[in-house]
PDB file of all heavy atoms in Angstrom:
ATOM      1  N   ALA A   1       3.152  19.305   8.093  1.00  0.00           N
ATOM      2  CA  ALA A   1       2.085  19.032   9.067  1.00  0.00           C
ATOM      3  C   ALA A   1       0.771  19.660   8.613  1.00  0.00           C
ATOM      4  O   ALA A   1      -0.306  19.066   8.786  1.00  0.00           O
ATOM      5  CB  ALA A   1       2.487  19.572  10.440  1.00  0.00           C
ATOM      6  N   LYS A   2       0.850  20.844   8.008  1.00  0.00           N
ATOM      7  CA  LYS A   2      -0.367  21.504   7.546  1.00  0.00           C
ATOM      8  C   LYS A   2      -0.954  20.790   6.337  1.00  0.00           C
ATOM      9  O   LYS A   2      -2.184  20.665   6.219  1.00  0.00           O
ATOM     10  CB  LYS A   2      -0.070  22.969   7.192  1.00  0.00           C
ATOM     11  CG  LYS A   2      -1.343  23.804   7.023  1.00  0.00           C
ATOM     12  CD  LYS A   2      -2.049  23.938   8.370  1.00  0.00           C
ATOM     13  CE  LYS A   2      -3.440  24.497   8.255  1.00  0.00           C
ATOM     14  NZ  LYS A   2      -4.087  24.680   9.561  1.00  0.00           N
ATOM     15  N   ILE A   3      -0.094  20.321   5.439  1.00  0.00           N
ATOM     16  CA  ILE A   3      -0.593  19.544   4.308  1.00  0.00           C
ATOM     17  C   ILE A   3      -1.346  18.313   4.809  1.00  0.00           C
ATOM     18  O   ILE A   3      -2.428  17.989   4.303  1.00  0.00           O
ATOM     19  CB  ILE A   3       0.580  19.131   3.389  1.00  0.00           C
ATOM     20  CG1 ILE A   3       1.126  20.357   2.643  1.00  0.00           C
ATOM     21  CG2 ILE A   3       0.127  18.076   2.378  1.00  0.00           C
ATOM     22  CD1 ILE A   3       2.401  20.100   1.868  1.00  0.00           C
ATOM     23  N   LYS A   4      -0.786  17.643   5.799  1.00  0.00           N
ATOM     24  CA  LYS A   4      -1.451  16.457   6.346  1.00  0.00           C
ATOM     25  C   LYS A   4      -2.778  16.822   7.002  1.00  0.00           C
ATOM     26  O   LYS A   4      -3.776  16.111   6.859  1.00  0.00           O
ATOM     27  CB  LYS A   4      -0.551  15.748   7.361  1.00  0.00           C
ATOM     28  CG  LYS A   4      -1.161  14.454   7.915  1.00  0.00           C
ATOM     29  CD  LYS A   4      -0.177  13.669   8.734  1.00  0.00           C
ATOM     30  CE  LYS A   4      -0.792  12.361   9.230  1.00  0.00           C
ATOM     31  NZ  LYS A   4      -1.217  11.480   8.131  1.00  0.00           N
ATOM     32  N   GLU A   5      -2.806  17.944   7.709  1.00  0.00           N
ATOM     33  CA  GLU A   5      -4.055  18.376   8.349  1.00  0.00           C
ATOM     34  C   GLU A   5      -5.137  18.632   7.304  1.00  0.00           C
ATOM     35  O   GLU A   5      -6.290  18.200   7.457  1.00  0.00           O
ATOM     36  CB  GLU A   5      -3.817  19.638   9.172  1.00  0.00           C
ATOM     37  CG  GLU A   5      -5.087  20.124   9.876  1.00  0.00           C
ATOM     38  CD  GLU A   5      -4.888  21.415  10.643  1.00  0.00           C
ATOM     39  OE1 GLU A   5      -3.764  21.952  10.640  1.00  0.00           O
ATOM     40  OE2 GLU A   5      -5.877  21.904  11.228  1.00  0.00           O
ATOM     41  N   ILE A   6      -4.788  19.322   6.238  1.00  0.00           N
ATOM     42  CA  ILE A   6      -5.776  19.637   5.203  1.00  0.00           C
ATOM     43  C   ILE A   6      -6.218  18.390   4.454  1.00  0.00           C
ATOM     44  O   ILE A   6      -7.409  18.199   4.184  1.00  0.00           O
ATOM     45  CB  ILE A   6      -5.200  20.681   4.221  1.00  0.00           C
ATOM     46  CG1 ILE A   6      -4.964  22.017   4.930  1.00  0.00           C
ATOM     47  CG2 ILE A   6      -6.144  20.883   3.026  1.00  0.00           C
ATOM     48  CD1 ILE A   6      -4.244  23.056   4.079  1.00  0.00           C
ATOM     49  N   ALA A   7      -5.262  17.529   4.127  1.00  0.00           N
ATOM     50  CA  ALA A   7      -5.564  16.376   3.277  1.00  0.00           C
ATOM     51  C   ALA A   7      -6.100  15.175   4.040  1.00  0.00           C
ATOM     52  O   ALA A   7      -6.848  14.368   3.474  1.00  0.00           O
ATOM     53  CB  ALA A   7      -4.313  15.964   2.509  1.00  0.00           C
ATOM     54  N   ASP A   8      -5.736  15.057   5.307  1.00  0.00           N
ATOM     55  CA  ASP A   8      -6.064  13.839   6.058  1.00  0.00           C
ATOM     56  C   ASP A   8      -6.856  14.102   7.332  1.00  0.00           C
ATOM     57  O   ASP A   8      -8.035  13.786   7.431  1.00  0.00           O
ATOM     58  CB  ASP A   8      -4.766  13.099   6.443  1.00  0.00           C
ATOM     59  CG  ASP A   8      -4.264  12.173   5.354  1.00  0.00           C
ATOM     60  OD1 ASP A   8      -4.992  11.960   4.372  1.00  0.00           O
ATOM     61  OD2 ASP A   8      -3.124  11.687   5.478  1.00  0.00           O
ATOM     62  N   THR A   9      -6.170  14.667   8.312  1.00  0.00           N
ATOM     63  CA  THR A   9      -6.696  14.640   9.673  1.00  0.00           C
ATOM     64  C   THR A   9      -7.824  15.620   9.937  1.00  0.00           C
ATOM     65  O   THR A   9      -8.607  15.415  10.868  1.00  0.00           O
ATOM     66  CB  THR A   9      -5.550  14.906  10.676  1.00  0.00           C
ATOM     67  OG1 THR A   9      -4.974  16.190  10.394  1.00  0.00           O
ATOM     68  CG2 THR A   9      -4.470  13.838  10.548  1.00  0.00           C
ATOM     69  N   ASN A  10      -7.918  16.681   9.152  1.00  0.00           N
ATOM     70  CA  ASN A  10      -8.953  17.693   9.420  1.00  0.00           C
ATOM     71  C   ASN A  10      -9.620  18.135   8.127  1.00  0.00           C
ATOM     72  O   ASN A  10      -9.985  19.301   7.956  1.00  0.00           O
ATOM     73  CB  ASN A  10      -8.328  18.905  10.139  1.00  0.00           C
ATOM     74  CG  ASN A  10      -9.365  19.755  10.838  1.00  0.00           C
ATOM     75  OD1 ASN A  10     -10.527  19.370  11.003  1.00  0.00           O
ATOM     76  ND2 ASN A  10      -8.957  20.947  11.237  1.00  0.00           N
ATOM     77  N   ARG A  11      -9.808  17.185   7.227  1.00  0.00           N
ATOM     78  CA  ARG A  11     -10.300  17.526   5.893  1.00  0.00           C
ATOM     79  C   ARG A  11     -11.715  18.103   5.934  1.00  0.00           C
ATOM     80  O   ARG A  11     -12.082  18.915   5.084  1.00  0.00           O
ATOM     81  CB  ARG A  11     -10.264  16.289   4.998  1.00  0.00           C
ATOM     82  CG  ARG A  11     -10.415  16.613   3.523  1.00  0.00           C
ATOM     83  CD  ARG A  11      -9.867  15.513   2.658  1.00  0.00           C
ATOM     84  NE  ARG A  11      -9.945  15.818   1.247  1.00  0.00           N
ATOM     85  CZ  ARG A  11      -9.389  15.097   0.280  1.00  0.00           C
ATOM     86  NH1 ARG A  11      -8.685  14.024   0.601  1.00  0.00           N
ATOM     87  NH2 ARG A  11      -9.513  15.431  -0.972  1.00  0.00           N
ATOM     88  N   GLY A  12     -12.487  17.731   6.915  1.00  0.00           N
ATOM     89  CA  GLY A  12     -13.845  18.260   7.011  1.00  0.00           C
ATOM     90  C   GLY A  12     -13.869  19.762   7.216  1.00  0.00           C
ATOM     91  O   GLY A  12     -14.811  20.440   6.787  1.00  0.00           O
ATOM     92  N   ASN A  13     -12.836  20.296   7.854  1.00  0.00           N
ATOM     93  CA  ASN A  13     -12.761  21.735   8.089  1.00  0.00           C
ATOM     94  C   ASN A  13     -11.963  22.463   7.019  1.00  0.00           C
ATOM     95  O   ASN A  13     -11.855  23.698   7.060  1.00  0.00           O
ATOM     96  CB  ASN A  13     -12.137  22.012   9.464  1.00  0.00           C
ATOM     97  CG  ASN A  13     -13.083  21.674  10.594  1.00  0.00           C
ATOM     98  OD1 ASN A  13     -14.292  21.853  10.474  1.00  0.00           O
ATOM     99  ND2 ASN A  13     -12.543  21.154  11.687  1.00  0.00           N
ATOM    100  N   TYR A  14     -11.380  21.703   6.105  1.00  0.00           N
ATOM    101  CA  TYR A  14     -10.629  22.292   5.001  1.00  0.00           C
ATOM    102  C   TYR A  14     -11.065  21.648   3.686  1.00  0.00           C
ATOM    103  O   TYR A  14     -10.314  20.895   3.059  1.00  0.00           O
ATOM    104  CB  TYR A  14      -9.125  22.091   5.191  1.00  0.00           C
ATOM    105  CG  TYR A  14      -8.505  22.904   6.293  1.00  0.00           C
ATOM    106  CD1 TYR A  14      -8.388  22.383   7.582  1.00  0.00           C
ATOM    107  CD2 TYR A  14      -8.039  24.199   6.060  1.00  0.00           C
ATOM    108  CE1 TYR A  14      -7.805  23.114   8.608  1.00  0.00           C
ATOM    109  CE2 TYR A  14      -7.467  24.947   7.079  1.00  0.00           C
ATOM    110  CZ  TYR A  14      -7.346  24.399   8.351  1.00  0.00           C
ATOM    111  OH  TYR A  14      -6.775  25.137   9.373  1.00  0.00           O
ATOM    112  N   PRO A  15     -12.270  21.915   3.218  1.00  0.00           N
ATOM    113  CA  PRO A  15     -12.704  21.335   1.937  1.00  0.00           C
ATOM    114  C   PRO A  15     -11.811  21.804   0.797  1.00  0.00           C
ATOM    115  O   PRO A  15     -11.381  22.967   0.777  1.00  0.00           O
ATOM    116  CB  PRO A  15     -14.136  21.852   1.782  1.00  0.00           C
ATOM    117  CG  PRO A  15     -14.212  23.075   2.639  1.00  0.00           C
ATOM    118  CD  PRO A  15     -13.293  22.823   3.791  1.00  0.00           C
ATOM    119  N   ILE A  16     -11.510  20.908  -0.129  1.00  0.00           N
ATOM    120  CA  ILE A  16     -10.656  21.229  -1.270  1.00  0.00           C
ATOM    121  C   ILE A  16     -11.355  20.805  -2.559  1.00  0.00           C
ATOM    122  O   ILE A  16     -12.419  20.180  -2.536  1.00  0.00           O
ATOM    123  CB  ILE A  16      -9.279  20.547  -1.159  1.00  0.00           C
ATOM    124  CG1 ILE A  16      -9.446  19.024  -1.056  1.00  0.00           C
ATOM    125  CG2 ILE A  16      -8.498  21.097   0.019  1.00  0.00           C
ATOM    126  CD1 ILE A  16      -8.144  18.245  -1.024  1.00  0.00           C
ATOM    127  N   MET A  17     -10.757  21.120  -3.678  1.00  0.00           N
ATOM    128  CA  MET A  17     -11.316  20.704  -4.965  1.00  0.00           C
ATOM    129  C   MET A  17     -11.316  19.186  -5.069  1.00  0.00           C
ATOM    130  O   MET A  17     -10.321  18.536  -4.756  1.00  0.00           O
ATOM    131  CB  MET A  17     -10.480  21.269  -6.117  1.00  0.00           C
ATOM    132  CG  MET A  17     -10.509  22.767  -6.243  1.00  0.00           C
ATOM    133  SD  MET A  17      -9.498  23.304  -7.671  1.00  0.00           S
ATOM    134  CE  MET A  17      -9.533  25.078  -7.451  1.00  0.00           C
ATOM    135  N   GLU A  18     -12.450  18.632  -5.535  1.00  0.00           N
ATOM    136  CA  GLU A  18     -12.566  17.185  -5.683  1.00  0.00           C
ATOM    137  C   GLU A  18     -12.976  16.761  -7.088  1.00  0.00           C
ATOM    138  O   GLU A  18     -12.820  15.594  -7.453  1.00  0.00           O
ATOM    139  CB  GLU A  18     -13.557  16.636  -4.656  1.00  0.00           C
ATOM    140  CG  GLU A  18     -13.074  16.808  -3.216  1.00  0.00           C
ATOM    141  CD  GLU A  18     -14.068  16.264  -2.202  1.00  0.00           C
ATOM    142  OE1 GLU A  18     -15.198  15.905  -2.605  1.00  0.00           O
ATOM    143  OE2 GLU A  18     -13.717  16.203  -1.012  1.00  0.00           O
ATOM    144  N   ASP A  19     -13.527  17.666  -7.851  1.00  0.00           N
ATOM    145  CA  ASP A  19     -13.874  17.357  -9.243  1.00  0.00           C
ATOM    146  C   ASP A  19     -13.845  18.656 -10.039  1.00  0.00           C
ATOM    147  O   ASP A  19     -13.608  19.731  -9.480  1.00  0.00           O
ATOM    148  CB  ASP A  19     -15.234  16.660  -9.347  1.00  0.00           C
ATOM    149  CG  ASP A  19     -16.366  17.476  -8.748  1.00  0.00           C
ATOM    150  OD1 ASP A  19     -16.531  18.655  -9.145  1.00  0.00           O
ATOM    151  OD2 ASP A  19     -17.104  16.957  -7.883  1.00  0.00           O
ATOM    152  N   ASN A  20     -14.087  18.561 -11.331  1.00  0.00           N
ATOM    153  CA  ASN A  20     -13.927  19.731 -12.182  1.00  0.00           C
ATOM    154  C   ASN A  20     -14.999  20.799 -11.997  1.00  0.00           C
ATOM    155  O   ASN A  20     -14.836  21.926 -12.495  1.00  0.00           O
ATOM    156  CB  ASN A  20     -13.864  19.302 -13.658  1.00  0.00           C
ATOM    157  CG  ASN A  20     -12.487  18.812 -14.047  1.00  0.00           C
ATOM    158  OD1 ASN A  20     -11.475  19.416 -13.707  1.00  0.00           O
ATOM    159  ND2 ASN A  20     -12.430  17.688 -14.753  1.00  0.00           N
ATOM    160  N   THR A  21     -16.060  20.498 -11.292  1.00  0.00           N
ATOM    161  CA  THR A  21     -17.017  21.561 -10.969  1.00  0.00           C
ATOM    162  C   THR A  21     -16.423  22.526  -9.946  1.00  0.00           C
ATOM    163  O   THR A  21     -16.945  23.626  -9.762  1.00  0.00           O
ATOM    164  CB  THR A  21     -18.334  20.992 -10.414  1.00  0.00           C
ATOM    165  OG1 THR A  21     -18.103  20.385  -9.132  1.00  0.00           O
ATOM    166  CG2 THR A  21     -18.943  19.971 -11.366  1.00  0.00           C
ATOM    167  N   HIS A  22     -15.339  22.119  -9.302  1.00  0.00           N
ATOM    168  CA  HIS A  22     -14.665  22.963  -8.310  1.00  0.00           C
ATOM    169  C   HIS A  22     -13.516  23.756  -8.922  1.00  0.00           C
ATOM    170  O   HIS A  22     -12.951  24.636  -8.256  1.00  0.00           O
ATOM    171  CB  HIS A  22     -14.121  22.105  -7.164  1.00  0.00           C
ATOM    172  CG  HIS A  22     -15.166  21.304  -6.453  1.00  0.00           C
ATOM    173  ND1 HIS A  22     -14.907  20.072  -5.870  1.00  0.00           N
ATOM    174  CD2 HIS A  22     -16.490  21.536  -6.248  1.00  0.00           C
ATOM    175  CE1 HIS A  22     -16.011  19.588  -5.328  1.00  0.00           C
ATOM    176  NE2 HIS A  22     -16.988  20.461  -5.549  1.00  0.00           N
ATOM    177  N   THR A  23     -13.138  23.431 -10.152  1.00  0.00           N
ATOM    178  CA  THR A  23     -12.038  24.146 -10.804  1.00  0.00           C
ATOM    179  C   THR A  23     -12.323  25.646 -10.847  1.00  0.00           C
ATOM    180  O   THR A  23     -13.438  26.062 -11.177  1.00  0.00           O
ATOM    181  CB  THR A  23     -11.829  23.605 -12.231  1.00  0.00           C
ATOM    182  OG1 THR A  23     -11.201  22.310 -12.147  1.00  0.00           O
ATOM    183  CG2 THR A  23     -10.944  24.515 -13.059  1.00  0.00           C
ATOM    184  N   ALA A  24     -11.311  26.437 -10.499  1.00  0.00           N
ATOM    185  CA  ALA A  24     -11.439  27.898 -10.539  1.00  0.00           C
ATOM    186  C   ALA A  24     -11.112  28.377 -11.940  1.00  0.00           C
ATOM    187  O   ALA A  24      -9.962  28.256 -12.389  1.00  0.00           O
ATOM    188  CB  ALA A  24     -10.511  28.536  -9.518  1.00  0.00           C
ATOM    189  N   LYS A  25     -12.097  28.924 -12.606  1.00  0.00           N
ATOM    190  CA  LYS A  25     -11.902  29.379 -13.983  1.00  0.00           C
ATOM    191  C   LYS A  25     -12.925  30.458 -14.311  1.00  0.00           C
ATOM    192  O   LYS A  25     -13.961  30.582 -13.645  1.00  0.00           O
ATOM    193  CB  LYS A  25     -12.078  28.230 -14.976  1.00  0.00           C
ATOM    194  CG  LYS A  25     -13.503  27.684 -15.077  1.00  0.00           C
ATOM    195  CD  LYS A  25     -13.617  26.561 -16.080  1.00  0.00           C
ATOM    196  CE  LYS A  25     -15.066  26.088 -16.268  1.00  0.00           C
ATOM    197  NZ  LYS A  25     -15.669  25.603 -15.020  1.00  0.00           N
ATOM    198  N   ILE A  26     -12.611  31.243 -15.321  1.00  0.00           N
ATOM    199  CA  ILE A  26     -13.596  32.135 -15.919  1.00  0.00           C
ATOM    200  C   ILE A  26     -13.931  31.560 -17.279  1.00  0.00           C
ATOM    201  O   ILE A  26     -13.040  31.352 -18.113  1.00  0.00           O
ATOM    202  CB  ILE A  26     -13.074  33.577 -16.043  1.00  0.00           C
ATOM    203  CG1 ILE A  26     -12.882  34.188 -14.649  1.00  0.00           C
ATOM    204  CG2 ILE A  26     -14.043  34.436 -16.860  1.00  0.00           C
ATOM    205  CD1 ILE A  26     -12.350  35.609 -14.652  1.00  0.00           C
TER     206      ILE A  26
END
């Protein structure tokens, strides 16, 4: 249910990585 909330139903409140500028790296 939480995966669905983050990915679908409430994505505006749970922004996630969408391209490589968001990749976490040093």
